[in-house]
N, C-alpha and C. Protein backbone atom coordinates (compact mmCIF):
# COMPACT_ATOMS: atom_id res chain seq x y z
N MET A 1 0.85 -1.19 0.00
CA MET A 1 0.00 0.00 0.00
C MET A 1 0.89 1.24 0.00
N SER A 2 0.66 2.14 -0.92
CA SER A 2 1.46 3.36 -0.96
C SER A 2 0.61 4.55 -0.55
N ASN A 3 1.24 5.43 0.19
CA ASN A 3 0.56 6.65 0.64
C ASN A 3 0.58 7.69 -0.46
N LYS A 4 -0.48 8.47 -0.52
CA LYS A 4 -0.53 9.60 -1.43
C LYS A 4 0.36 10.70 -0.86
N ILE A 5 1.33 11.14 -1.66
CA ILE A 5 2.24 12.19 -1.24
C ILE A 5 1.69 13.52 -1.74
N GLU A 6 1.60 14.50 -0.83
CA GLU A 6 1.11 15.84 -1.17
C GLU A 6 2.08 16.88 -0.68
N LYS A 7 1.85 18.10 -1.13
CA LYS A 7 2.62 19.25 -0.64
C LYS A 7 1.67 20.31 -0.15
N ALA A 8 2.09 21.00 0.89
CA ALA A 8 1.38 22.16 1.41
C ALA A 8 2.42 23.28 1.51
N THR A 9 2.03 24.49 1.15
CA THR A 9 2.94 25.63 1.24
C THR A 9 2.25 26.70 2.07
N LEU A 10 2.90 27.05 3.19
CA LEU A 10 2.29 27.93 4.19
C LEU A 10 3.27 29.00 4.66
N GLY A 11 2.75 30.17 4.95
CA GLY A 11 3.54 31.22 5.57
C GLY A 11 2.80 31.77 6.77
N GLY A 12 3.51 31.88 7.87
CA GLY A 12 2.91 32.41 9.09
C GLY A 12 3.97 33.06 9.95
N GLY A 13 4.64 34.05 9.40
CA GLY A 13 5.73 34.69 10.12
C GLY A 13 7.06 34.11 9.67
N CYS A 14 8.01 34.09 10.56
CA CYS A 14 9.35 33.58 10.26
C CYS A 14 9.29 32.11 9.88
N PHE A 15 9.92 31.75 8.77
CA PHE A 15 9.84 30.36 8.33
C PHE A 15 10.52 29.39 9.28
N TRP A 16 11.47 29.86 10.08
CA TRP A 16 12.12 28.97 11.04
C TRP A 16 11.10 28.40 12.03
N CYS A 17 10.15 29.23 12.44
CA CYS A 17 9.14 28.80 13.42
C CYS A 17 8.21 27.74 12.85
N ILE A 18 7.72 27.99 11.65
CA ILE A 18 6.79 27.06 11.01
C ILE A 18 7.50 25.74 10.70
N GLU A 19 8.70 25.86 10.16
CA GLU A 19 9.49 24.68 9.80
C GLU A 19 9.71 23.77 11.01
N ALA A 20 10.11 24.36 12.13
CA ALA A 20 10.43 23.58 13.33
C ALA A 20 9.25 22.75 13.81
N VAL A 21 8.06 23.30 13.71
CA VAL A 21 6.87 22.58 14.15
C VAL A 21 6.54 21.42 13.21
N TYR A 22 6.46 21.70 11.92
CA TYR A 22 6.04 20.65 10.98
C TYR A 22 7.07 19.53 10.84
N GLN A 23 8.33 19.80 11.13
CA GLN A 23 9.34 18.75 11.07
C GLN A 23 9.12 17.67 12.12
N ASN A 24 8.33 17.97 13.13
CA ASN A 24 8.09 17.04 14.23
C ASN A 24 6.84 16.19 14.07
N LEU A 25 6.14 16.30 12.95
CA LEU A 25 4.86 15.61 12.80
C LEU A 25 4.98 14.29 12.04
N LYS A 26 4.26 13.30 12.51
CA LYS A 26 4.18 12.02 11.81
C LYS A 26 3.62 12.25 10.42
N GLY A 27 4.18 11.57 9.44
CA GLY A 27 3.70 11.66 8.07
C GLY A 27 4.33 12.78 7.27
N VAL A 28 5.07 13.66 7.92
CA VAL A 28 5.75 14.73 7.19
C VAL A 28 7.11 14.18 6.77
N GLN A 29 7.33 14.17 5.46
CA GLN A 29 8.58 13.64 4.93
C GLN A 29 9.68 14.69 4.85
N LYS A 30 9.28 15.92 4.52
CA LYS A 30 10.28 16.96 4.31
C LYS A 30 9.62 18.32 4.53
N VAL A 31 10.39 19.25 5.09
CA VAL A 31 9.94 20.64 5.23
C VAL A 31 11.09 21.52 4.74
N GLU A 32 10.79 22.36 3.77
CA GLU A 32 11.80 23.26 3.22
C GLU A 32 11.36 24.70 3.44
N SER A 33 12.27 25.52 3.92
CA SER A 33 12.02 26.95 4.04
C SER A 33 12.29 27.61 2.70
N GLY A 34 11.47 28.63 2.40
CA GLY A 34 11.68 29.32 1.13
C GLY A 34 10.84 30.56 1.00
N TYR A 35 10.68 30.99 -0.24
CA TYR A 35 9.99 32.23 -0.56
C TYR A 35 8.98 31.97 -1.66
N ALA A 36 7.84 32.65 -1.59
CA ALA A 36 6.80 32.49 -2.62
C ALA A 36 5.87 33.69 -2.57
N ALA A 37 5.06 33.79 -3.64
CA ALA A 37 3.98 34.79 -3.76
C ALA A 37 4.50 36.19 -4.04
N GLY A 38 5.69 36.28 -4.61
CA GLY A 38 6.23 37.59 -4.96
C GLY A 38 6.50 37.72 -6.44
N LYS A 39 7.24 38.76 -6.78
CA LYS A 39 7.48 39.06 -8.20
C LYS A 39 8.94 38.91 -8.62
N THR A 40 9.85 38.69 -7.71
CA THR A 40 11.27 38.60 -8.03
C THR A 40 11.67 37.14 -8.22
N ASP A 41 12.33 36.85 -9.33
CA ASP A 41 12.83 35.49 -9.57
C ASP A 41 14.06 35.23 -8.71
N ASN A 42 14.13 34.01 -8.16
CA ASN A 42 15.28 33.56 -7.36
C ASN A 42 15.73 34.58 -6.32
N PRO A 43 14.83 35.00 -5.45
CA PRO A 43 15.20 36.03 -4.47
C PRO A 43 16.15 35.49 -3.41
N THR A 44 16.92 36.39 -2.84
CA THR A 44 17.76 36.07 -1.69
C THR A 44 17.03 36.48 -0.42
N TYR A 45 17.51 35.99 0.70
CA TYR A 45 16.93 36.36 2.00
C TYR A 45 16.97 37.88 2.18
N GLU A 46 18.10 38.49 1.84
CA GLU A 46 18.25 39.93 2.01
C GLU A 46 17.23 40.68 1.15
N GLN A 47 17.00 40.21 -0.08
CA GLN A 47 16.02 40.86 -0.96
C GLN A 47 14.61 40.72 -0.38
N VAL A 48 14.28 39.54 0.11
CA VAL A 48 12.95 39.31 0.68
C VAL A 48 12.76 40.19 1.91
N CYS A 49 13.79 40.28 2.75
CA CYS A 49 13.70 41.11 3.97
C CYS A 49 13.55 42.60 3.66
N SER A 50 13.95 43.02 2.47
CA SER A 50 13.80 44.43 2.10
C SER A 50 12.34 44.80 1.91
N GLY A 51 11.49 43.78 1.69
CA GLY A 51 10.08 44.03 1.46
C GLY A 51 9.77 44.42 0.02
N MET A 52 10.77 44.45 -0.83
CA MET A 52 10.58 44.92 -2.21
C MET A 52 10.25 43.79 -3.20
N THR A 53 10.37 42.54 -2.80
CA THR A 53 10.14 41.43 -3.73
C THR A 53 8.70 40.97 -3.77
N GLY A 54 7.95 41.28 -2.71
CA GLY A 54 6.57 40.80 -2.61
C GLY A 54 6.47 39.38 -2.08
N HIS A 55 7.60 38.71 -1.91
CA HIS A 55 7.58 37.33 -1.42
C HIS A 55 7.30 37.26 0.07
N ALA A 56 6.71 36.15 0.47
CA ALA A 56 6.53 35.82 1.89
C ALA A 56 7.52 34.72 2.25
N GLU A 57 7.96 34.72 3.49
CA GLU A 57 8.71 33.57 4.00
C GLU A 57 7.70 32.44 4.19
N VAL A 58 7.96 31.31 3.57
CA VAL A 58 7.03 30.18 3.62
C VAL A 58 7.80 28.88 3.87
N VAL A 59 7.04 27.85 4.18
CA VAL A 59 7.61 26.49 4.20
C VAL A 59 6.81 25.64 3.23
N GLN A 60 7.51 24.73 2.59
CA GLN A 60 6.84 23.76 1.74
C GLN A 60 6.98 22.40 2.42
N ILE A 61 5.83 21.82 2.74
CA ILE A 61 5.74 20.59 3.51
C ILE A 61 5.36 19.45 2.57
N THR A 62 6.18 18.42 2.53
CA THR A 62 5.85 17.21 1.77
C THR A 62 5.37 16.19 2.79
N PHE A 63 4.15 15.69 2.59
CA PHE A 63 3.55 14.82 3.61
C PHE A 63 2.79 13.66 3.00
N GLU A 64 2.63 12.62 3.81
CA GLU A 64 1.87 11.43 3.43
C GLU A 64 0.42 11.64 3.85
N HIS A 65 -0.45 11.80 2.88
CA HIS A 65 -1.85 12.12 3.15
C HIS A 65 -2.54 11.05 4.01
N ASP A 66 -2.14 9.80 3.89
CA ASP A 66 -2.77 8.74 4.68
C ASP A 66 -2.36 8.77 6.15
N VAL A 67 -1.29 9.51 6.46
CA VAL A 67 -0.82 9.62 7.84
C VAL A 67 -1.27 10.93 8.47
N ILE A 68 -1.15 12.01 7.72
CA ILE A 68 -1.60 13.32 8.18
C ILE A 68 -2.27 14.01 6.98
N SER A 69 -3.47 14.45 7.17
CA SER A 69 -4.22 15.05 6.05
C SER A 69 -3.91 16.54 5.91
N TYR A 70 -4.27 17.08 4.76
CA TYR A 70 -4.13 18.51 4.53
C TYR A 70 -4.96 19.29 5.55
N GLU A 71 -6.13 18.77 5.87
CA GLU A 71 -6.98 19.41 6.88
C GLU A 71 -6.26 19.50 8.23
N GLU A 72 -5.54 18.43 8.61
CA GLU A 72 -4.80 18.44 9.87
C GLU A 72 -3.62 19.41 9.80
N ILE A 73 -2.97 19.46 8.66
CA ILE A 73 -1.87 20.42 8.46
C ILE A 73 -2.39 21.84 8.72
N LEU A 74 -3.56 22.14 8.16
CA LEU A 74 -4.14 23.48 8.32
C LEU A 74 -4.65 23.71 9.74
N TYR A 75 -5.22 22.69 10.35
CA TYR A 75 -5.70 22.82 11.73
C TYR A 75 -4.56 23.28 12.64
N ILE A 76 -3.40 22.69 12.46
CA ILE A 76 -2.22 23.07 13.25
C ILE A 76 -1.76 24.47 12.86
N PHE A 77 -1.79 24.78 11.57
CA PHE A 77 -1.37 26.09 11.08
C PHE A 77 -2.13 27.23 11.77
N TRP A 78 -3.44 27.08 11.91
CA TRP A 78 -4.24 28.13 12.53
C TRP A 78 -3.87 28.33 13.99
N ARG A 79 -3.34 27.33 14.62
CA ARG A 79 -3.00 27.40 16.05
C ARG A 79 -1.53 27.67 16.29
N LEU A 80 -0.77 27.74 15.22
CA LEU A 80 0.68 27.90 15.28
C LEU A 80 1.12 29.36 15.27
N HIS A 81 0.29 30.22 14.74
CA HIS A 81 0.63 31.64 14.64
C HIS A 81 -0.67 32.44 14.80
N ASP A 82 -0.54 33.75 14.82
CA ASP A 82 -1.73 34.61 14.93
C ASP A 82 -2.11 35.09 13.53
N PRO A 83 -3.09 34.44 12.91
CA PRO A 83 -3.47 34.78 11.54
C PRO A 83 -4.30 36.05 11.43
N THR A 84 -4.45 36.78 12.53
CA THR A 84 -5.20 38.04 12.49
C THR A 84 -4.27 39.24 12.35
N GLN A 85 -2.97 39.01 12.42
CA GLN A 85 -2.01 40.10 12.32
C GLN A 85 -1.62 40.30 10.86
N LEU A 86 -1.86 41.48 10.34
CA LEU A 86 -1.56 41.79 8.95
C LEU A 86 -0.07 42.14 8.81
N ASP A 87 0.61 41.39 7.97
CA ASP A 87 2.01 41.64 7.63
C ASP A 87 2.96 41.64 8.83
N ARG A 88 2.69 40.75 9.77
CA ARG A 88 3.62 40.63 10.90
C ARG A 88 3.27 39.40 11.74
N GLN A 89 4.24 39.01 12.54
CA GLN A 89 4.06 38.04 13.60
C GLN A 89 4.96 38.49 14.73
N GLY A 90 4.36 38.88 15.83
CA GLY A 90 5.15 39.38 16.96
C GLY A 90 5.98 40.57 16.55
N ALA A 91 7.29 40.50 16.82
CA ALA A 91 8.19 41.61 16.50
C ALA A 91 8.60 41.62 15.03
N ASP A 92 8.37 40.52 14.30
CA ASP A 92 8.71 40.46 12.88
C ASP A 92 7.65 41.20 12.08
N ARG A 93 8.07 42.26 11.39
CA ARG A 93 7.12 43.10 10.65
C ARG A 93 7.53 43.23 9.19
N GLY A 94 6.53 43.22 8.33
CA GLY A 94 6.75 43.37 6.90
C GLY A 94 5.92 42.37 6.13
N THR A 95 5.70 42.64 4.86
CA THR A 95 4.86 41.76 4.05
C THR A 95 5.45 40.35 3.94
N GLN A 96 6.74 40.20 4.13
CA GLN A 96 7.37 38.87 4.06
C GLN A 96 6.93 37.98 5.21
N TYR A 97 6.32 38.55 6.25
CA TYR A 97 5.87 37.78 7.41
C TYR A 97 4.35 37.57 7.42
N ARG A 98 3.71 37.86 6.30
CA ARG A 98 2.25 37.74 6.25
C ARG A 98 1.79 36.29 6.38
N SER A 99 0.58 36.14 6.81
CA SER A 99 -0.05 34.82 6.91
C SER A 99 -0.63 34.48 5.55
N ILE A 100 -0.20 33.32 5.00
CA ILE A 100 -0.61 32.97 3.64
C ILE A 100 -0.64 31.45 3.46
N ILE A 101 -1.63 31.00 2.73
CA ILE A 101 -1.72 29.59 2.31
C ILE A 101 -1.64 29.60 0.79
N LEU A 102 -0.65 28.90 0.26
CA LEU A 102 -0.48 28.81 -1.19
C LEU A 102 -0.89 27.40 -1.61
N THR A 103 -1.96 27.33 -2.36
CA THR A 103 -2.56 26.04 -2.67
C THR A 103 -1.94 25.41 -3.92
N HIS A 104 -1.96 24.08 -3.93
CA HIS A 104 -1.38 23.29 -5.02
C HIS A 104 -2.45 22.74 -5.95
N SER A 105 -3.72 22.94 -5.63
CA SER A 105 -4.81 22.42 -6.46
C SER A 105 -6.11 23.14 -6.09
N SER A 106 -7.13 22.95 -6.93
CA SER A 106 -8.43 23.55 -6.61
C SER A 106 -9.02 22.88 -5.37
N GLU A 107 -8.74 21.59 -5.18
CA GLU A 107 -9.21 20.89 -3.99
C GLU A 107 -8.59 21.50 -2.73
N GLN A 108 -7.29 21.77 -2.76
CA GLN A 108 -6.64 22.41 -1.61
C GLN A 108 -7.22 23.80 -1.36
N LYS A 109 -7.53 24.53 -2.42
CA LYS A 109 -8.12 25.86 -2.26
C LYS A 109 -9.44 25.76 -1.51
N GLU A 110 -10.29 24.83 -1.92
CA GLU A 110 -11.59 24.63 -1.26
C GLU A 110 -11.40 24.29 0.22
N ILE A 111 -10.49 23.36 0.48
CA ILE A 111 -10.23 22.93 1.86
C ILE A 111 -9.69 24.10 2.68
N ALA A 112 -8.78 24.87 2.10
CA ALA A 112 -8.18 26.00 2.82
C ALA A 112 -9.22 27.06 3.15
N GLU A 113 -10.09 27.36 2.19
CA GLU A 113 -11.14 28.38 2.44
C GLU A 113 -12.11 27.91 3.51
N LYS A 114 -12.48 26.64 3.46
CA LYS A 114 -13.37 26.09 4.49
C LYS A 114 -12.68 26.11 5.85
N SER A 115 -11.42 25.73 5.87
CA SER A 115 -10.65 25.71 7.11
C SER A 115 -10.50 27.11 7.71
N ARG A 116 -10.24 28.10 6.84
CA ARG A 116 -10.12 29.48 7.32
C ARG A 116 -11.44 29.95 7.93
N HIS A 117 -12.55 29.63 7.26
CA HIS A 117 -13.86 30.01 7.77
C HIS A 117 -14.12 29.35 9.14
N GLU A 118 -13.81 28.07 9.25
CA GLU A 118 -14.01 27.36 10.52
C GLU A 118 -13.15 27.95 11.63
N ALA A 119 -11.89 28.26 11.32
CA ALA A 119 -11.00 28.86 12.32
C ALA A 119 -11.48 30.25 12.71
N ASP A 120 -11.98 30.99 11.73
CA ASP A 120 -12.44 32.36 11.99
C ASP A 120 -13.70 32.38 12.86
N THR A 121 -14.57 31.40 12.68
CA THR A 121 -15.82 31.37 13.45
C THR A 121 -15.72 30.55 14.74
N ALA A 122 -14.58 29.92 14.97
CA ALA A 122 -14.40 29.09 16.17
C ALA A 122 -14.07 29.91 17.41
N GLY A 123 -13.83 31.21 17.23
CA GLY A 123 -13.51 32.04 18.39
C GLY A 123 -12.08 31.87 18.88
N LEU A 124 -11.19 31.43 18.01
CA LEU A 124 -9.79 31.26 18.41
C LEU A 124 -9.11 32.59 18.68
N TYR A 125 -9.55 33.63 17.97
CA TYR A 125 -8.92 34.94 18.05
C TYR A 125 -9.99 36.02 18.20
N PRO A 126 -9.64 37.13 18.86
CA PRO A 126 -10.62 38.20 19.04
C PRO A 126 -10.82 39.07 17.79
N HIS A 127 -9.94 38.92 16.80
CA HIS A 127 -10.03 39.71 15.58
C HIS A 127 -10.18 38.77 14.38
N PRO A 128 -10.67 39.27 13.25
CA PRO A 128 -10.86 38.43 12.06
C PRO A 128 -9.52 37.95 11.48
N ILE A 129 -9.54 36.77 10.92
CA ILE A 129 -8.37 36.21 10.25
C ILE A 129 -8.13 36.95 8.94
N VAL A 130 -6.87 37.30 8.68
CA VAL A 130 -6.50 38.03 7.46
C VAL A 130 -5.63 37.18 6.52
N THR A 131 -5.53 35.93 6.78
CA THR A 131 -4.70 35.03 5.98
C THR A 131 -5.13 35.02 4.52
N GLU A 132 -4.16 35.22 3.63
CA GLU A 132 -4.40 35.16 2.19
C GLU A 132 -4.43 33.69 1.76
N ILE A 133 -5.25 33.39 0.78
CA ILE A 133 -5.25 32.07 0.15
C ILE A 133 -5.16 32.30 -1.35
N GLU A 134 -4.12 31.76 -1.96
CA GLU A 134 -3.94 31.92 -3.40
C GLU A 134 -3.17 30.73 -3.96
N PRO A 135 -3.26 30.52 -5.25
CA PRO A 135 -2.54 29.39 -5.85
C PRO A 135 -1.03 29.63 -5.82
N LEU A 136 -0.28 28.59 -5.57
CA LEU A 136 1.18 28.66 -5.63
C LEU A 136 1.59 28.74 -7.10
N THR A 137 2.41 29.71 -7.42
CA THR A 137 2.95 29.78 -8.78
C THR A 137 4.36 29.22 -8.82
N VAL A 138 5.20 29.65 -7.88
CA VAL A 138 6.56 29.12 -7.83
C VAL A 138 7.06 29.23 -6.39
N PHE A 139 7.83 28.22 -5.99
CA PHE A 139 8.45 28.18 -4.67
C PHE A 139 9.96 28.25 -4.88
N TYR A 140 10.60 29.18 -4.18
CA TYR A 140 12.06 29.30 -4.23
C TYR A 140 12.62 28.84 -2.89
N GLN A 141 13.45 27.83 -2.92
CA GLN A 141 14.05 27.33 -1.68
C GLN A 141 14.99 28.39 -1.11
N ALA A 142 14.92 28.59 0.19
CA ALA A 142 15.81 29.54 0.86
C ALA A 142 17.23 28.97 0.92
N GLU A 143 18.15 29.83 1.23
CA GLU A 143 19.55 29.46 1.35
C GLU A 143 19.73 28.32 2.35
N ILE A 144 20.78 27.54 2.16
CA ILE A 144 21.00 26.32 2.95
C ILE A 144 21.05 26.60 4.45
N HIS A 145 21.61 27.73 4.87
CA HIS A 145 21.71 28.01 6.31
C HIS A 145 20.35 28.31 6.96
N HIS A 146 19.30 28.47 6.14
CA HIS A 146 17.95 28.65 6.69
C HIS A 146 17.20 27.32 6.81
N GLN A 147 17.73 26.26 6.24
CA GLN A 147 17.05 24.96 6.29
C GLN A 147 17.31 24.30 7.63
N SER A 148 16.28 23.72 8.22
CA SER A 148 16.38 23.04 9.53
C SER A 148 17.06 23.95 10.56
N TYR A 149 16.71 25.21 10.52
CA TYR A 149 17.38 26.20 11.37
C TYR A 149 17.27 25.85 12.85
N TYR A 150 16.08 25.54 13.30
CA TYR A 150 15.90 25.23 14.72
C TYR A 150 16.70 23.98 15.11
N SER A 151 16.65 22.96 14.30
CA SER A 151 17.39 21.73 14.60
C SER A 151 18.89 21.99 14.72
N ASN A 152 19.39 22.91 13.91
CA ASN A 152 20.82 23.20 13.88
C ASN A 152 21.24 24.32 14.83
N ASN A 153 20.29 25.07 15.39
CA ASN A 153 20.62 26.25 16.20
C ASN A 153 19.71 26.39 17.41
N SER A 154 19.27 25.31 17.99
CA SER A 154 18.26 25.37 19.05
C SER A 154 18.68 26.16 20.28
N ASN A 155 19.96 26.40 20.47
CA ASN A 155 20.41 27.18 21.63
C ASN A 155 20.52 28.67 21.35
N GLN A 156 20.26 29.08 20.11
CA GLN A 156 20.28 30.50 19.79
C GLN A 156 19.14 31.21 20.54
N PRO A 157 19.34 32.46 20.98
CA PRO A 157 18.30 33.16 21.73
C PRO A 157 16.94 33.20 21.01
N TYR A 158 16.92 33.47 19.70
CA TYR A 158 15.64 33.52 18.96
C TYR A 158 14.92 32.18 19.08
N CYS A 159 15.66 31.10 18.93
CA CYS A 159 15.06 29.77 19.01
C CYS A 159 14.50 29.50 20.40
N ARG A 160 15.25 29.87 21.42
CA ARG A 160 14.82 29.60 22.79
C ARG A 160 13.60 30.43 23.18
N VAL A 161 13.56 31.69 22.74
CA VAL A 161 12.50 32.60 23.15
C VAL A 161 11.25 32.48 22.27
N ILE A 162 11.44 32.31 20.98
CA ILE A 162 10.31 32.34 20.04
C ILE A 162 9.86 30.94 19.62
N ILE A 163 10.80 30.08 19.26
CA ILE A 163 10.43 28.78 18.70
C ILE A 163 10.15 27.74 19.79
N ASP A 164 10.94 27.72 20.86
CA ASP A 164 10.72 26.73 21.93
C ASP A 164 9.27 26.72 22.44
N PRO A 165 8.65 27.89 22.69
CA PRO A 165 7.26 27.85 23.15
C PRO A 165 6.31 27.22 22.12
N LYS A 166 6.57 27.40 20.84
CA LYS A 166 5.74 26.78 19.80
C LYS A 166 5.90 25.26 19.83
N ILE A 167 7.12 24.80 20.04
CA ILE A 167 7.38 23.35 20.12
C ILE A 167 6.68 22.79 21.36
N GLN A 168 6.75 23.49 22.48
CA GLN A 168 6.08 23.04 23.69
C GLN A 168 4.57 22.99 23.52
N LYS A 169 4.01 23.98 22.84
CA LYS A 169 2.57 24.00 22.56
C LYS A 169 2.20 22.81 21.67
N LEU A 170 3.01 22.54 20.67
CA LEU A 170 2.78 21.40 19.79
C LEU A 170 2.76 20.10 20.60
N LYS A 171 3.73 19.94 21.47
CA LYS A 171 3.80 18.72 22.29
C LYS A 171 2.58 18.59 23.19
N ARG A 172 2.15 19.71 23.75
CA ARG A 172 1.00 19.70 24.66
C ARG A 172 -0.32 19.42 23.91
N ASP A 173 -0.50 20.11 22.77
CA ASP A 173 -1.79 20.04 22.07
C ASP A 173 -1.89 18.94 21.02
N PHE A 174 -0.75 18.49 20.50
CA PHE A 174 -0.77 17.54 19.39
C PHE A 174 0.21 16.40 19.59
N GLY A 175 0.43 16.02 20.84
CA GLY A 175 1.40 14.98 21.16
C GLY A 175 1.21 13.69 20.40
N ASP A 176 -0.02 13.34 20.10
CA ASP A 176 -0.30 12.10 19.39
C ASP A 176 0.11 12.18 17.92
N LYS A 177 0.40 13.36 17.42
CA LYS A 177 0.79 13.55 16.00
C LYS A 177 2.31 13.64 15.83
N LEU A 178 3.05 13.59 16.93
CA LEU A 178 4.49 13.78 16.87
C LEU A 178 5.24 12.50 16.55
N VAL A 179 6.38 12.68 15.89
CA VAL A 179 7.26 11.53 15.58
C VAL A 179 8.02 11.14 16.82
């Protein structure tokens, strides 16, 4: 029996934070940090941080649908960041930190829109969700030093202060989904 392999591309602030969480989930084969939804070809981190490329920091998740569904990927996404903050997450500010779901098919678009509506009406946040949903056109992988950042730098202050609490929340709320 072979599992259906799918991809999900999501942005919710700094890609290091999103990447660290999804790397710990059963059924996730690979998580790559990168850039998408902008106008500059092959952007660098510095270009994206300038805010001039239009790209968001995103992760592309390759997962086994029979182990973890796209719906579950999104369920965690809504609880992983604050999707009501326009163009920022915490102290990270700029369009590159916007909340965005980049869909790989019309089916994913339908699921994402339904999921956003459910999250918005569930009372998770006091303000409306501003997450964009649009088709993925191209994904640019980020530089190698941005890949598996948390795994390679877990003692860095940013990791300890910002990412560690997300990992702890994941363990508390989704322990049965962890590898």
